[in-house]
């Protein structure tokens, strides 16, 4: 049986306690993981610039001792267009949060999250989703602005709540995140989804997003 390939993780974190936290998280995950940890931005940038550098995932703190982690995010995104990049930080300021997302972060996690929550978020981002600590998700949608349903021609008869949910789903949010942001239960989210599928005459998220976008209900 061939050996399972090693998945390399770029960890940029100056706090050794949190380096140990992530070591425990990956030890519990399926697969063979190798963490390449760096305590400052300059070392991480040097690693990213290596000709044969290859990473499965990047975990980047914002508050590094030499440069902002935002610079490392930008460099990682430029080098690897499809690399999942998770911010792991204690910073909760809205502007820092938005700057990280705009720089190319795939998700934003707080260091106060449990190891189980961190592991779950890592699994989500590896699946192509965009995990955000629930306490910060509200910042993103409040600053981005809720969809202006009153100015849209809602030819498909979606309710304002259904359209709001579809907007969040189109941005890559999980059902659980949508429930938290919209302050509704997960079962209510699932009910809205079923109703949307019926009204749009579709059977999955991608079809729903495509049809709503072509009808002018979603704008990116």
N, C-alpha and C. Protein backbone atom coordinates (compact mmCIF):
# COMPACT_ATOMS: atom_id res chain seq x y z
N UNK A 1 0.85 -1.20 0.00
CA UNK A 1 0.00 0.00 0.00
C UNK A 1 0.88 1.24 0.00
N UNK A 2 0.69 2.16 -0.96
CA UNK A 2 1.55 3.34 -1.03
C UNK A 2 1.37 4.23 0.18
N UNK A 3 2.47 4.89 0.57
CA UNK A 3 2.41 5.78 1.72
C UNK A 3 1.54 6.99 1.39
N UNK A 4 0.80 7.47 2.40
CA UNK A 4 -0.05 8.64 2.21
C UNK A 4 0.81 9.88 2.12
N UNK A 5 0.56 10.76 1.13
CA UNK A 5 1.38 11.95 1.00
C UNK A 5 1.25 12.87 2.21
N UNK A 6 2.32 13.55 2.52
CA UNK A 6 2.32 14.47 3.65
C UNK A 6 1.74 15.81 3.21
N UNK A 7 0.82 16.33 3.99
CA UNK A 7 0.23 17.64 3.73
C UNK A 7 0.95 18.68 4.58
N UNK A 8 1.53 19.68 3.93
CA UNK A 8 2.30 20.69 4.65
C UNK A 8 1.44 21.90 5.00
N UNK A 9 1.63 22.38 6.22
CA UNK A 9 0.89 23.53 6.73
C UNK A 9 1.88 24.67 7.01
N UNK A 10 1.58 25.85 6.47
CA UNK A 10 2.36 27.04 6.81
C UNK A 10 1.70 27.69 8.01
N UNK A 11 2.38 27.69 9.15
CA UNK A 11 1.86 28.29 10.37
C UNK A 11 2.73 29.50 10.72
N UNK A 12 2.13 30.68 10.70
CA UNK A 12 2.85 31.91 11.03
C UNK A 12 2.27 32.43 12.33
N UNK A 13 2.96 32.17 13.41
CA UNK A 13 2.44 32.43 14.76
C UNK A 13 3.61 32.62 15.71
N UNK A 14 3.67 33.77 16.37
CA UNK A 14 4.80 34.06 17.25
C UNK A 14 4.60 33.54 18.67
N UNK A 15 3.40 33.11 19.00
CA UNK A 15 3.12 32.61 20.34
C UNK A 15 3.28 31.09 20.35
N UNK A 16 4.26 30.59 21.11
CA UNK A 16 4.54 29.16 21.14
C UNK A 16 3.38 28.35 21.73
N UNK A 17 2.59 28.97 22.59
CA UNK A 17 1.44 28.27 23.16
C UNK A 17 0.45 27.92 22.06
N UNK A 18 0.22 28.87 21.14
CA UNK A 18 -0.72 28.60 20.07
C UNK A 18 -0.12 27.69 19.00
N UNK A 19 1.19 27.71 18.85
CA UNK A 19 1.82 26.72 17.97
C UNK A 19 1.53 25.31 18.50
N UNK A 20 1.63 25.15 19.81
CA UNK A 20 1.35 23.85 20.41
C UNK A 20 -0.14 23.49 20.29
N UNK A 21 -1.00 24.50 20.37
CA UNK A 21 -2.44 24.26 20.20
C UNK A 21 -2.72 23.68 18.82
N UNK A 22 -2.14 24.28 17.80
CA UNK A 22 -2.39 23.79 16.44
C UNK A 22 -1.73 22.44 16.20
N UNK A 23 -0.62 22.17 16.87
CA UNK A 23 -0.01 20.85 16.75
C UNK A 23 -0.97 19.79 17.27
N UNK A 24 -1.66 20.08 18.37
CA UNK A 24 -2.64 19.13 18.91
C UNK A 24 -3.84 18.99 17.98
N UNK A 25 -4.27 20.10 17.39
CA UNK A 25 -5.42 20.06 16.47
C UNK A 25 -5.13 19.16 15.28
N UNK A 26 -3.96 19.33 14.67
CA UNK A 26 -3.62 18.54 13.49
C UNK A 26 -3.33 17.08 13.85
N UNK A 27 -2.89 16.84 15.07
CA UNK A 27 -2.63 15.46 15.49
C UNK A 27 -3.93 14.65 15.54
N UNK A 28 -5.06 15.34 15.72
CA UNK A 28 -6.35 14.66 15.79
C UNK A 28 -7.03 14.56 14.43
N UNK A 29 -6.48 15.21 13.43
CA UNK A 29 -7.11 15.22 12.11
C UNK A 29 -6.64 14.03 11.27
N UNK A 30 -7.48 13.63 10.34
CA UNK A 30 -7.12 12.54 9.44
C UNK A 30 -6.00 12.97 8.52
N UNK A 31 -5.15 12.02 8.15
CA UNK A 31 -4.06 12.33 7.24
C UNK A 31 -2.75 12.56 7.96
N UNK A 32 -1.72 12.79 7.17
CA UNK A 32 -0.36 13.00 7.69
C UNK A 32 0.01 14.46 7.46
N UNK A 33 0.09 15.22 8.55
CA UNK A 33 0.32 16.66 8.47
C UNK A 33 1.72 17.03 8.97
N UNK A 34 2.34 17.95 8.27
CA UNK A 34 3.64 18.48 8.69
C UNK A 34 3.51 19.99 8.81
N UNK A 35 3.73 20.51 10.01
CA UNK A 35 3.59 21.95 10.26
C UNK A 35 4.95 22.61 10.13
N UNK A 36 5.05 23.60 9.27
CA UNK A 36 6.24 24.44 9.17
C UNK A 36 5.90 25.76 9.85
N UNK A 37 6.39 25.96 11.07
CA UNK A 37 6.01 27.10 11.88
C UNK A 37 7.08 28.19 11.83
N UNK A 38 6.60 29.43 11.77
CA UNK A 38 7.47 30.60 11.75
C UNK A 38 6.93 31.62 12.74
N UNK A 39 7.85 32.27 13.45
CA UNK A 39 7.45 33.22 14.50
C UNK A 39 7.46 34.66 14.04
N UNK A 40 7.81 34.92 12.81
CA UNK A 40 7.79 36.29 12.30
C UNK A 40 7.44 36.29 10.82
N UNK A 41 7.03 37.45 10.33
CA UNK A 41 6.59 37.55 8.95
C UNK A 41 7.70 37.38 7.94
N UNK A 42 8.89 37.90 8.25
CA UNK A 42 10.00 37.82 7.31
C UNK A 42 10.36 36.37 6.99
N UNK A 43 10.38 35.53 8.01
CA UNK A 43 10.71 34.12 7.79
C UNK A 43 9.63 33.44 6.95
N UNK A 44 8.38 33.80 7.20
CA UNK A 44 7.29 33.22 6.43
C UNK A 44 7.37 33.66 4.96
N UNK A 45 7.69 34.91 4.72
CA UNK A 45 7.82 35.40 3.35
C UNK A 45 8.96 34.69 2.63
N UNK A 46 10.04 34.43 3.35
CA UNK A 46 11.17 33.71 2.76
C UNK A 46 10.76 32.29 2.38
N UNK A 47 9.97 31.64 3.24
CA UNK A 47 9.51 30.28 2.95
C UNK A 47 8.59 30.27 1.74
N UNK A 48 7.73 31.27 1.63
CA UNK A 48 6.81 31.36 0.50
C UNK A 48 7.53 31.59 -0.82
N UNK A 49 8.68 32.23 -0.75
CA UNK A 49 9.42 32.56 -1.97
C UNK A 49 10.29 31.42 -2.49
N UNK A 50 10.39 30.34 -1.72
CA UNK A 50 11.21 29.21 -2.15
C UNK A 50 10.63 28.59 -3.43
N UNK A 51 11.47 28.26 -4.40
CA UNK A 51 10.96 27.75 -5.69
C UNK A 51 10.08 26.52 -5.57
N UNK A 52 10.40 25.63 -4.65
CA UNK A 52 9.66 24.38 -4.54
C UNK A 52 8.68 24.37 -3.36
N UNK A 53 8.35 25.54 -2.86
CA UNK A 53 7.40 25.63 -1.75
C UNK A 53 6.05 25.06 -2.15
N UNK A 54 5.45 24.30 -1.26
CA UNK A 54 4.15 23.71 -1.53
C UNK A 54 3.41 23.53 -0.20
N UNK A 55 2.24 24.12 -0.10
CA UNK A 55 1.47 24.04 1.14
C UNK A 55 0.03 23.64 0.85
N UNK A 56 -0.53 22.88 1.76
CA UNK A 56 -1.95 22.48 1.68
C UNK A 56 -2.84 23.52 2.33
N UNK A 57 -2.27 24.26 3.29
CA UNK A 57 -3.04 25.20 4.10
C UNK A 57 -2.09 26.20 4.74
N UNK A 58 -2.57 27.43 4.92
CA UNK A 58 -1.80 28.44 5.65
C UNK A 58 -2.62 28.96 6.82
N UNK A 59 -2.00 29.04 8.00
CA UNK A 59 -2.61 29.63 9.19
C UNK A 59 -1.76 30.83 9.58
N UNK A 60 -2.33 32.01 9.53
CA UNK A 60 -1.53 33.23 9.67
C UNK A 60 -2.11 34.14 10.74
N UNK A 61 -1.27 34.50 11.70
CA UNK A 61 -1.66 35.46 12.72
C UNK A 61 -1.50 36.87 12.15
N UNK A 62 -2.26 37.81 12.66
CA UNK A 62 -2.15 39.20 12.20
C UNK A 62 -1.07 39.94 12.97
N UNK A 63 -1.02 39.74 14.29
CA UNK A 63 -0.11 40.51 15.13
C UNK A 63 1.26 39.89 15.26
N UNK A 64 2.05 39.99 14.20
CA UNK A 64 3.42 39.45 14.21
C UNK A 64 4.40 40.49 14.74
N UNK A 65 5.57 40.07 15.21
CA UNK A 65 6.50 41.03 15.83
C UNK A 65 7.19 41.97 14.85
N UNK A 66 7.24 41.63 13.56
CA UNK A 66 7.98 42.48 12.63
C UNK A 66 7.06 43.19 11.62
N UNK A 67 6.17 42.47 10.98
CA UNK A 67 5.27 43.06 10.00
C UNK A 67 3.85 42.58 10.30
N UNK A 68 2.90 43.19 9.61
CA UNK A 68 1.52 42.74 9.78
C UNK A 68 1.30 41.41 9.05
N UNK A 69 0.50 40.56 9.65
CA UNK A 69 0.16 39.31 8.99
C UNK A 69 -0.57 39.54 7.67
N UNK A 70 -1.16 40.72 7.49
CA UNK A 70 -1.83 41.04 6.23
C UNK A 70 -0.85 40.93 5.06
N UNK A 71 0.38 41.39 5.28
CA UNK A 71 1.40 41.30 4.22
C UNK A 71 1.70 39.86 3.86
N UNK A 72 1.71 38.99 4.85
CA UNK A 72 1.97 37.57 4.59
C UNK A 72 0.80 36.96 3.82
N UNK A 73 -0.42 37.36 4.18
CA UNK A 73 -1.60 36.88 3.46
C UNK A 73 -1.52 37.27 1.99
N UNK A 74 -1.18 38.51 1.72
CA UNK A 74 -1.07 38.99 0.34
C UNK A 74 -0.03 38.18 -0.43
N UNK A 75 1.12 37.96 0.19
CA UNK A 75 2.19 37.21 -0.47
C UNK A 75 1.78 35.77 -0.73
N UNK A 76 1.12 35.15 0.26
CA UNK A 76 0.67 33.77 0.09
C UNK A 76 -0.36 33.65 -1.02
N UNK A 77 -1.28 34.61 -1.09
CA UNK A 77 -2.30 34.58 -2.13
C UNK A 77 -1.70 34.81 -3.52
N UNK A 78 -0.70 35.68 -3.60
CA UNK A 78 -0.05 35.92 -4.89
C UNK A 78 0.71 34.69 -5.37
N UNK A 79 1.33 33.99 -4.43
CA UNK A 79 2.12 32.81 -4.80
C UNK A 79 1.23 31.60 -5.10
N UNK A 80 0.18 31.43 -4.29
CA UNK A 80 -0.70 30.27 -4.45
C UNK A 80 -2.15 30.75 -4.54
N UNK A 81 -2.66 30.84 -5.74
CA UNK A 81 -3.98 31.43 -5.96
C UNK A 81 -5.09 30.66 -5.26
N UNK A 82 -4.95 29.34 -5.12
CA UNK A 82 -6.02 28.52 -4.56
C UNK A 82 -5.73 28.03 -3.15
N UNK A 83 -4.70 28.54 -2.52
CA UNK A 83 -4.33 28.07 -1.19
C UNK A 83 -5.35 28.52 -0.15
N UNK A 84 -5.91 27.58 0.64
CA UNK A 84 -6.77 28.00 1.75
C UNK A 84 -5.94 28.74 2.80
N UNK A 85 -6.37 29.94 3.16
CA UNK A 85 -5.65 30.76 4.12
C UNK A 85 -6.58 31.13 5.26
N UNK A 86 -6.24 30.69 6.46
CA UNK A 86 -7.02 31.00 7.64
C UNK A 86 -6.28 32.00 8.52
N UNK A 87 -6.95 33.06 8.88
CA UNK A 87 -6.40 33.98 9.87
C UNK A 87 -6.69 33.40 11.25
N UNK A 88 -5.70 33.40 12.10
CA UNK A 88 -5.86 32.95 13.49
C UNK A 88 -5.31 34.05 14.39
N UNK A 89 -6.17 34.78 15.05
CA UNK A 89 -5.72 35.98 15.73
C UNK A 89 -6.58 36.31 16.93
N UNK A 90 -6.09 37.21 17.76
CA UNK A 90 -6.87 37.73 18.86
C UNK A 90 -7.53 39.04 18.49
N UNK A 91 -7.20 39.59 17.31
CA UNK A 91 -7.73 40.88 16.89
C UNK A 91 -9.18 40.75 16.42
N UNK A 92 -10.06 41.55 17.00
CA UNK A 92 -11.47 41.51 16.63
C UNK A 92 -11.95 42.79 15.96
N UNK A 93 -11.04 43.76 15.74
CA UNK A 93 -11.44 45.02 15.12
C UNK A 93 -12.01 44.78 13.73
N UNK A 94 -13.08 45.49 13.41
CA UNK A 94 -13.74 45.30 12.13
C UNK A 94 -12.81 45.59 10.96
N UNK A 95 -12.04 46.67 11.06
CA UNK A 95 -11.17 47.05 9.95
C UNK A 95 -10.10 46.00 9.69
N UNK A 96 -9.54 45.44 10.77
CA UNK A 96 -8.55 44.38 10.61
C UNK A 96 -9.18 43.15 9.96
N UNK A 97 -10.36 42.82 10.41
CA UNK A 97 -11.10 41.70 9.86
C UNK A 97 -11.31 41.88 8.35
N UNK A 98 -11.82 43.03 7.95
CA UNK A 98 -12.08 43.28 6.53
C UNK A 98 -10.79 43.33 5.72
N UNK A 99 -9.74 43.90 6.29
CA UNK A 99 -8.46 43.97 5.58
C UNK A 99 -7.93 42.58 5.27
N UNK A 100 -8.07 41.65 6.22
CA UNK A 100 -7.61 40.29 6.01
C UNK A 100 -8.41 39.60 4.91
N UNK A 101 -9.73 39.78 4.91
CA UNK A 101 -10.57 39.17 3.89
C UNK A 101 -10.23 39.75 2.52
N UNK A 102 -10.06 41.05 2.45
CA UNK A 102 -9.74 41.69 1.17
C UNK A 102 -8.36 41.28 0.67
N UNK A 103 -7.45 40.98 1.60
CA UNK A 103 -6.09 40.57 1.21
C UNK A 103 -6.06 39.16 0.65
N UNK A 104 -7.13 38.39 0.91
CA UNK A 104 -7.18 37.04 0.36
C UNK A 104 -7.40 35.93 1.35
N UNK A 105 -7.70 36.27 2.61
CA UNK A 105 -7.97 35.23 3.60
C UNK A 105 -9.24 34.47 3.26
N UNK A 106 -9.23 33.17 3.51
CA UNK A 106 -10.39 32.31 3.25
C UNK A 106 -11.27 32.17 4.48
N UNK A 107 -10.80 32.60 5.63
CA UNK A 107 -11.56 32.50 6.86
C UNK A 107 -10.85 33.27 7.96
N UNK A 108 -11.57 33.52 9.06
CA UNK A 108 -11.04 34.36 10.13
C UNK A 108 -11.47 33.76 11.46
N UNK A 109 -10.49 33.25 12.22
CA UNK A 109 -10.78 32.56 13.48
C UNK A 109 -10.14 33.29 14.65
N UNK A 110 -10.82 33.26 15.77
CA UNK A 110 -10.30 33.87 16.98
C UNK A 110 -9.57 32.83 17.83
N UNK A 111 -8.52 33.25 18.49
CA UNK A 111 -7.73 32.33 19.29
C UNK A 111 -8.49 31.84 20.52
N UNK A 112 -9.57 32.48 20.86
CA UNK A 112 -10.38 32.02 21.98
C UNK A 112 -11.26 30.84 21.63
N UNK A 113 -11.34 30.49 20.35
CA UNK A 113 -12.15 29.33 19.95
C UNK A 113 -11.54 28.05 20.51
N UNK A 114 -12.37 27.06 20.77
CA UNK A 114 -11.89 25.79 21.29
C UNK A 114 -11.09 25.03 20.23
N UNK A 115 -10.31 24.06 20.68
CA UNK A 115 -9.55 23.25 19.74
C UNK A 115 -10.48 22.49 18.80
N UNK A 116 -11.60 22.04 19.31
CA UNK A 116 -12.57 21.34 18.46
C UNK A 116 -13.12 22.27 17.39
N UNK A 117 -13.41 23.53 17.77
CA UNK A 117 -13.92 24.50 16.81
C UNK A 117 -12.87 24.84 15.77
N UNK A 118 -11.62 24.97 16.19
CA UNK A 118 -10.54 25.25 15.25
C UNK A 118 -10.39 24.10 14.26
N UNK A 119 -10.43 22.88 14.76
CA UNK A 119 -10.31 21.72 13.89
C UNK A 119 -11.44 21.66 12.88
N UNK A 120 -12.66 21.95 13.34
CA UNK A 120 -13.81 21.94 12.44
C UNK A 120 -13.66 23.02 11.37
N UNK A 121 -13.19 24.20 11.75
CA UNK A 121 -13.00 25.28 10.78
C UNK A 121 -11.93 24.94 9.75
N UNK A 122 -10.89 24.27 10.19
CA UNK A 122 -9.85 23.83 9.25
C UNK A 122 -10.43 22.85 8.25
N UNK A 123 -11.24 21.92 8.72
CA UNK A 123 -11.87 20.96 7.81
C UNK A 123 -12.77 21.68 6.81
N UNK A 124 -13.50 22.71 7.27
CA UNK A 124 -14.39 23.46 6.38
C UNK A 124 -13.61 24.19 5.29
N UNK A 125 -12.53 24.86 5.67
CA UNK A 125 -11.78 25.63 4.68
C UNK A 125 -11.10 24.70 3.67
N UNK A 126 -10.71 23.51 4.10
CA UNK A 126 -10.13 22.54 3.18
C UNK A 126 -11.17 22.01 2.20
N UNK A 127 -12.45 22.13 2.56
CA UNK A 127 -13.54 21.73 1.69
C UNK A 127 -14.01 22.85 0.78
N UNK A 128 -13.34 24.01 0.88
CA UNK A 128 -13.71 25.13 0.02
C UNK A 128 -14.69 26.10 0.64
N UNK A 129 -14.98 25.95 1.93
CA UNK A 129 -15.88 26.87 2.59
C UNK A 129 -15.09 28.00 3.25
N UNK A 130 -15.82 28.96 3.84
CA UNK A 130 -15.19 30.17 4.37
C UNK A 130 -15.58 30.37 5.83
N UNK A 131 -14.93 29.65 6.74
CA UNK A 131 -15.31 29.74 8.15
C UNK A 131 -14.92 31.06 8.79
N UNK A 132 -15.82 31.59 9.59
CA UNK A 132 -15.58 32.82 10.34
C UNK A 132 -16.12 32.61 11.74
N UNK A 133 -15.36 33.02 12.75
CA UNK A 133 -15.86 32.92 14.12
C UNK A 133 -17.19 33.66 14.21
N UNK A 134 -18.22 33.03 14.79
CA UNK A 134 -19.56 33.62 14.79
C UNK A 134 -19.62 35.05 15.29
N UNK A 135 -18.82 35.40 16.29
CA UNK A 135 -18.87 36.75 16.83
C UNK A 135 -18.38 37.80 15.83
N UNK A 136 -17.65 37.36 14.80
CA UNK A 136 -17.14 38.28 13.79
C UNK A 136 -17.97 38.28 12.52
N UNK A 137 -18.74 37.23 12.30
CA UNK A 137 -19.53 37.16 11.07
C UNK A 137 -20.48 38.34 10.97
N UNK A 138 -20.99 38.80 12.08
CA UNK A 138 -21.92 39.93 12.06
C UNK A 138 -21.24 41.19 11.52
N UNK A 139 -19.94 41.37 11.83
CA UNK A 139 -19.23 42.54 11.33
C UNK A 139 -19.24 42.57 9.80
N UNK A 140 -18.93 41.41 9.20
CA UNK A 140 -18.82 41.34 7.75
C UNK A 140 -20.13 41.72 7.08
N UNK A 141 -21.21 41.15 7.53
CA UNK A 141 -22.48 41.39 6.85
C UNK A 141 -23.05 42.77 7.18
N UNK A 142 -22.78 43.28 8.36
CA UNK A 142 -23.25 44.62 8.69
C UNK A 142 -22.51 45.66 7.86
N UNK A 143 -21.20 45.49 7.72
CA UNK A 143 -20.41 46.46 6.96
C UNK A 143 -20.65 46.32 5.46
N UNK A 144 -20.82 45.09 5.01
CA UNK A 144 -21.08 44.88 3.58
C UNK A 144 -22.46 45.39 3.20
N UNK A 145 -23.38 45.35 4.17
CA UNK A 145 -24.74 45.80 3.89
C UNK A 145 -25.63 44.64 3.50
N UNK A 146 -26.81 44.60 4.07
CA UNK A 146 -27.76 43.56 3.70
C UNK A 146 -28.27 43.82 2.30
N UNK A 147 -28.67 42.81 1.57
CA UNK A 147 -29.19 43.01 0.23
C UNK A 147 -30.39 43.94 0.23
N UNK A 148 -30.40 44.86 -0.69
CA UNK A 148 -31.46 45.85 -0.77
C UNK A 148 -32.64 45.28 -1.55
N UNK A 149 -33.49 44.55 -0.86
CA UNK A 149 -34.56 43.84 -1.55
C UNK A 149 -35.62 44.78 -2.10
N UNK A 150 -35.73 45.99 -1.56
CA UNK A 150 -36.77 46.89 -2.02
C UNK A 150 -36.48 47.44 -3.40
N UNK A 151 -35.20 47.45 -3.81
CA UNK A 151 -34.86 47.99 -5.12
C UNK A 151 -34.70 46.90 -6.17
N UNK A 152 -34.90 45.65 -5.78
CA UNK A 152 -34.76 44.54 -6.72
C UNK A 152 -36.11 44.15 -7.31
N UNK A 153 -36.09 43.74 -8.53
CA UNK A 153 -37.30 43.20 -9.13
C UNK A 153 -37.35 41.72 -8.84
N UNK A 154 -38.11 41.35 -7.81
CA UNK A 154 -38.10 39.98 -7.34
C UNK A 154 -39.12 39.16 -8.12
N UNK A 155 -38.76 38.89 -9.36
CA UNK A 155 -39.69 38.16 -10.24
C UNK A 155 -39.87 36.72 -9.79
N UNK A 156 -38.99 36.20 -8.97
CA UNK A 156 -39.06 34.80 -8.57
C UNK A 156 -39.82 34.63 -7.25
N UNK A 157 -40.34 35.73 -6.70
CA UNK A 157 -41.22 35.66 -5.53
C UNK A 157 -40.52 35.16 -4.29
N UNK A 158 -39.21 35.43 -4.16
CA UNK A 158 -38.51 35.09 -2.93
C UNK A 158 -38.86 36.12 -1.85
N UNK A 159 -39.01 35.67 -0.63
CA UNK A 159 -39.25 36.59 0.47
C UNK A 159 -37.94 37.32 0.79
N UNK A 160 -38.02 38.48 1.47
CA UNK A 160 -36.80 39.19 1.86
C UNK A 160 -35.85 38.31 2.67
N UNK A 161 -36.39 37.47 3.55
CA UNK A 161 -35.56 36.60 4.38
C UNK A 161 -34.89 35.53 3.53
N UNK A 162 -35.62 34.98 2.57
CA UNK A 162 -35.05 33.96 1.69
C UNK A 162 -33.94 34.56 0.82
N UNK A 163 -34.16 35.77 0.34
CA UNK A 163 -33.16 36.43 -0.48
C UNK A 163 -31.91 36.76 0.33
N UNK A 164 -32.11 37.20 1.58
CA UNK A 164 -30.99 37.47 2.46
C UNK A 164 -30.16 36.21 2.69
N UNK A 165 -30.85 35.11 2.93
CA UNK A 165 -30.16 33.83 3.14
C UNK A 165 -29.41 33.41 1.88
N UNK A 166 -30.02 33.57 0.72
CA UNK A 166 -29.36 33.19 -0.52
C UNK A 166 -28.10 34.02 -0.75
N UNK A 167 -28.15 35.30 -0.37
CA UNK A 167 -26.97 36.16 -0.50
C UNK A 167 -25.82 35.63 0.35
N UNK A 168 -26.11 35.20 1.56
CA UNK A 168 -25.08 34.67 2.45
C UNK A 168 -24.53 33.34 1.92
N UNK A 169 -25.44 32.48 1.44
CA UNK A 169 -25.02 31.19 0.89
C UNK A 169 -24.10 31.42 -0.31
N UNK A 170 -24.42 32.42 -1.14
CA UNK A 170 -23.61 32.71 -2.32
C UNK A 170 -22.21 33.17 -1.95
N UNK A 171 -22.05 33.71 -0.74
CA UNK A 171 -20.74 34.16 -0.28
C UNK A 171 -19.95 33.03 0.37
N UNK A 172 -20.54 31.82 0.37
CA UNK A 172 -19.82 30.67 0.88
C UNK A 172 -20.08 30.32 2.33
N UNK A 173 -21.07 30.93 2.94
CA UNK A 173 -21.35 30.66 4.36
C UNK A 173 -22.02 29.31 4.53
N UNK A 174 -21.69 28.64 5.60
CA UNK A 174 -22.36 27.38 5.94
C UNK A 174 -23.74 27.69 6.49
N UNK A 175 -24.60 26.67 6.55
CA UNK A 175 -25.93 26.85 7.12
C UNK A 175 -25.84 27.31 8.58
N UNK A 176 -24.88 26.75 9.32
CA UNK A 176 -24.74 27.11 10.73
C UNK A 176 -24.37 28.58 10.90
N UNK A 177 -23.46 29.08 10.04
CA UNK A 177 -23.08 30.49 10.10
C UNK A 177 -24.25 31.38 9.74
N UNK A 178 -25.01 30.98 8.71
CA UNK A 178 -26.19 31.75 8.32
C UNK A 178 -27.18 31.84 9.48
N UNK A 179 -27.38 30.74 10.16
CA UNK A 179 -28.32 30.72 11.29
C UNK A 179 -27.86 31.69 12.37
N UNK A 180 -26.56 31.71 12.64
CA UNK A 180 -26.03 32.60 13.67
C UNK A 180 -26.15 34.05 13.27
N UNK A 181 -25.77 34.37 12.03
CA UNK A 181 -25.79 35.76 11.55
C UNK A 181 -27.22 36.29 11.49
N UNK A 182 -28.14 35.44 11.02
CA UNK A 182 -29.53 35.86 10.85
C UNK A 182 -30.35 35.71 12.13
N UNK A 183 -29.73 35.14 13.17
CA UNK A 183 -30.38 34.96 14.47
C UNK A 183 -31.63 34.10 14.34
N UNK A 184 -31.50 33.00 13.60
CA UNK A 184 -32.58 32.03 13.45
C UNK A 184 -32.02 30.64 13.70
N UNK A 185 -32.88 29.67 13.83
CA UNK A 185 -32.42 28.30 14.09
C UNK A 185 -31.95 27.64 12.80
N UNK A 186 -31.17 26.58 12.97
CA UNK A 186 -30.69 25.83 11.81
C UNK A 186 -31.87 25.21 11.05
N UNK A 187 -32.87 24.75 11.77
CA UNK A 187 -34.04 24.16 11.10
C UNK A 187 -34.79 25.20 10.27
N UNK A 188 -34.81 26.44 10.75
CA UNK A 188 -35.46 27.51 9.99
C UNK A 188 -34.67 27.81 8.71
N UNK A 189 -33.34 27.78 8.81
CA UNK A 189 -32.51 27.95 7.61
C UNK A 189 -32.84 26.87 6.60
N UNK A 190 -32.94 25.63 7.06
CA UNK A 190 -33.23 24.52 6.16
C UNK A 190 -34.61 24.65 5.53
N UNK A 191 -35.57 25.18 6.28
CA UNK A 191 -36.91 25.41 5.73
C UNK A 191 -36.86 26.47 4.64
N UNK A 192 -36.14 27.56 4.89
CA UNK A 192 -35.98 28.61 3.88
C UNK A 192 -35.33 28.04 2.61
N UNK A 193 -34.34 27.19 2.80
CA UNK A 193 -33.64 26.60 1.65
C UNK A 193 -34.61 25.78 0.81
N UNK A 194 -35.40 24.95 1.47
CA UNK A 194 -36.37 24.13 0.73
C UNK A 194 -37.37 25.00 -0.03
N UNK A 195 -37.83 26.07 0.61
CA UNK A 195 -38.77 26.97 -0.05
C UNK A 195 -38.13 27.67 -1.25
N UNK A 196 -36.87 28.06 -1.10
CA UNK A 196 -36.16 28.70 -2.22
C UNK A 196 -36.03 27.75 -3.39
N UNK A 197 -35.65 26.52 -3.10
CA UNK A 197 -35.48 25.54 -4.18
C UNK A 197 -36.80 25.34 -4.93
N UNK A 198 -37.91 25.31 -4.17
CA UNK A 198 -39.21 25.11 -4.80
C UNK A 198 -39.57 26.29 -5.70
N UNK A 199 -39.37 27.52 -5.19
CA UNK A 199 -39.72 28.70 -5.96
C UNK A 199 -38.82 28.88 -7.18
N UNK A 200 -37.53 28.54 -7.02
CA UNK A 200 -36.58 28.70 -8.12
C UNK A 200 -36.59 27.51 -9.08
N UNK A 201 -37.27 26.44 -8.65
CA UNK A 201 -37.33 25.21 -9.44
C UNK A 201 -35.93 24.65 -9.70
N UNK A 202 -35.15 24.53 -8.60
CA UNK A 202 -33.79 24.00 -8.66
C UNK A 202 -33.66 22.92 -7.58
N UNK A 203 -32.51 22.24 -7.59
CA UNK A 203 -32.31 21.15 -6.63
C UNK A 203 -31.04 21.27 -5.81
N UNK A 204 -30.22 22.32 -6.04
CA UNK A 204 -29.01 22.49 -5.25
C UNK A 204 -28.61 23.95 -5.17
N UNK A 205 -27.62 24.25 -4.32
CA UNK A 205 -27.19 25.62 -4.08
C UNK A 205 -26.67 26.30 -5.34
N UNK A 206 -25.82 25.60 -6.09
CA UNK A 206 -25.22 26.21 -7.26
C UNK A 206 -26.28 26.62 -8.27
N UNK A 207 -27.27 25.77 -8.49
CA UNK A 207 -28.34 26.11 -9.42
C UNK A 207 -29.14 27.32 -8.92
N UNK A 208 -29.38 27.35 -7.61
CA UNK A 208 -30.13 28.46 -7.03
C UNK A 208 -29.37 29.78 -7.21
N UNK A 209 -28.08 29.76 -6.93
CA UNK A 209 -27.26 30.97 -7.05
C UNK A 209 -27.21 31.43 -8.51
N UNK A 210 -27.01 30.50 -9.42
CA UNK A 210 -26.92 30.84 -10.84
C UNK A 210 -28.23 31.46 -11.34
N UNK A 211 -29.36 30.87 -10.97
CA UNK A 211 -30.65 31.37 -11.44
C UNK A 211 -30.95 32.75 -10.85
N UNK A 212 -30.68 32.92 -9.55
CA UNK A 212 -30.92 34.22 -8.92
C UNK A 212 -30.01 35.29 -9.49
N UNK A 213 -28.76 34.93 -9.78
CA UNK A 213 -27.83 35.90 -10.35
C UNK A 213 -28.27 36.31 -11.76
N UNK A 214 -28.69 35.34 -12.56
CA UNK A 214 -29.12 35.65 -13.92
C UNK A 214 -30.40 36.49 -13.93
N UNK A 215 -31.17 36.41 -12.84
CA UNK A 215 -32.41 37.18 -12.75
C UNK A 215 -32.19 38.56 -12.12
N UNK A 216 -30.93 38.86 -11.75
CA UNK A 216 -30.62 40.16 -11.19
C UNK A 216 -30.82 40.28 -9.70
N UNK A 217 -31.08 39.17 -9.03
CA UNK A 217 -31.30 39.20 -7.59
C UNK A 217 -30.01 39.16 -6.79
N UNK A 218 -28.95 38.65 -7.38
CA UNK A 218 -27.65 38.58 -6.73
C UNK A 218 -26.65 39.35 -7.57
N UNK A 219 -25.86 40.18 -6.92
CA UNK A 219 -24.84 40.96 -7.62
C UNK A 219 -23.53 40.79 -6.88
N UNK A 220 -22.45 40.50 -7.63
CA UNK A 220 -21.12 40.29 -7.02
C UNK A 220 -20.14 41.29 -7.59
